[in-house]
Amino acid sequence: MQERPRIFDDMSRLLNDAAGAAKTIGKEAEAIIRAQVERLMSTMDIVSREEFEAVRDMAIAARNANDSLERRIAELEAKLAAKPTDQGDA
């Protein structure tokens, strides 16, 4: 009866060691894959998230300025159209 608990202890230790090794291998694999993806992306013409956000913000600001200018032009054209012309009967 003494033998049986020791076998379970040994199996338990073996499984714990295997799980720890698998976790370590998984972390190492993830680090290697991440490094390879970053290396590959650095050779491609891909912008970073920060660069994308900055350009998007600039585009939004430009669109807002354009809309404002369009409204101002429309108002000035309406004023110009409503203004009586001083043309004589020459």
Protein backbone atom coordinates (compact mmCIF):
# COMPACT_ATOMS: atom_id res chain seq x y z
CA MET A 1 0.00 0.00 0.00
CA GLN A 2 2.94 2.27 0.52
CA GLU A 3 3.84 2.10 -3.21
CA ARG A 4 0.58 3.51 -4.56
CA PRO A 5 0.69 7.03 -3.08
CA ARG A 6 4.29 7.44 -4.22
CA ILE A 7 3.32 6.61 -7.80
CA PHE A 8 0.59 9.23 -7.65
CA ASP A 9 3.04 11.74 -6.21
CA ASP A 10 5.53 10.97 -8.96
CA MET A 11 2.86 11.28 -11.64
CA SER A 12 1.63 14.50 -10.13
CA ARG A 13 5.16 15.96 -10.12
CA LEU A 14 5.68 14.79 -13.69
CA LEU A 15 2.46 16.42 -14.86
CA ASN A 16 3.28 19.65 -13.03
CA ASP A 17 6.74 19.71 -14.59
CA ALA A 18 5.25 19.03 -18.03
CA ALA A 19 2.70 21.79 -17.58
CA GLY A 20 5.42 24.20 -16.50
CA ALA A 21 7.57 23.23 -19.47
CA ALA A 22 4.63 23.63 -21.86
CA LYS A 23 3.90 27.08 -20.42
CA THR A 24 7.54 28.11 -20.82
CA ILE A 25 7.66 26.80 -24.39
CA GLY A 26 4.42 28.63 -25.16
CA LYS A 27 5.84 31.92 -23.87
CA GLU A 28 9.06 31.43 -25.83
CA ALA A 29 7.11 30.58 -28.99
CA GLU A 30 4.95 33.66 -28.53
CA ALA A 31 8.03 35.87 -28.11
CA ILE A 32 9.65 34.40 -31.23
CA ILE A 33 6.48 34.80 -33.30
CA ARG A 34 5.98 38.35 -32.04
CA ALA A 35 9.56 39.26 -32.98
CA GLN A 36 9.16 37.75 -36.44
CA VAL A 37 5.87 39.58 -37.05
CA GLU A 38 7.38 42.88 -35.88
CA ARG A 39 10.40 42.31 -38.14
CA LEU A 40 8.14 41.53 -41.09
CA MET A 41 5.93 44.54 -40.44
CA SER A 42 8.94 46.84 -40.18
CA THR A 43 9.93 45.89 -43.73
CA MET A 44 6.43 46.64 -45.02
CA ASP A 45 4.97 50.07 -45.62
CA ILE A 46 2.58 49.93 -42.65
CA VAL A 47 1.85 52.85 -40.38
CA SER A 48 1.66 52.56 -36.63
CA ARG A 49 -1.59 53.06 -34.77
CA GLU A 50 -0.32 56.39 -33.42
CA GLU A 51 0.50 57.65 -36.92
CA PHE A 52 -2.89 56.54 -38.19
CA GLU A 53 -4.69 58.30 -35.35
CA ALA A 54 -2.73 61.51 -35.94
CA VAL A 55 -3.54 61.56 -39.67
CA ARG A 56 -7.19 60.70 -38.95
CA ASP A 57 -7.41 63.63 -36.52
CA MET A 58 -5.87 65.94 -39.12
CA ALA A 59 -8.37 64.75 -41.75
CA ILE A 60 -11.29 65.38 -39.37
CA ALA A 61 -10.01 68.88 -38.62
CA ALA A 62 -9.56 69.61 -42.34
CA ARG A 63 -13.07 68.34 -43.12
CA ASN A 64 -14.53 70.53 -40.35
CA ALA A 65 -12.64 73.57 -41.64
CA ASN A 66 -13.82 72.83 -45.19
CA ASP A 67 -17.45 72.57 -44.03
CA SER A 68 -17.11 75.88 -42.18
CA LEU A 69 -15.64 77.57 -45.25
CA GLU A 70 -18.39 76.18 -47.47
CA ARG A 71 -21.02 77.62 -45.13
CA ARG A 72 -19.25 80.99 -45.09
CA ILE A 73 -19.04 81.09 -48.89
CA ALA A 74 -22.73 80.22 -49.17
CA GLU A 75 -23.61 83.04 -46.75
CA LEU A 76 -21.46 85.56 -48.65
CA GLU A 77 -22.95 84.47 -51.98
CA ALA A 78 -26.46 84.86 -50.54
CA LYS A 79 -25.62 88.37 -49.29
CA LEU A 80 -24.12 89.27 -52.65
CA ALA A 81 -27.17 87.98 -54.52
CA ALA A 82 -29.53 89.91 -52.22
CA LYS A 83 -27.61 93.18 -52.59
CA PRO A 84 -29.18 95.50 -55.19
CA THR A 85 -26.90 96.34 -58.04
CA ASP A 86 -26.24 100.01 -58.83
CA GLN A 87 -26.19 99.73 -62.59
CA GLY A 88 -27.46 102.70 -64.45
CA ASP A 89 -29.28 102.77 -67.74
CA ALA A 90 -26.18 103.75 -69.61
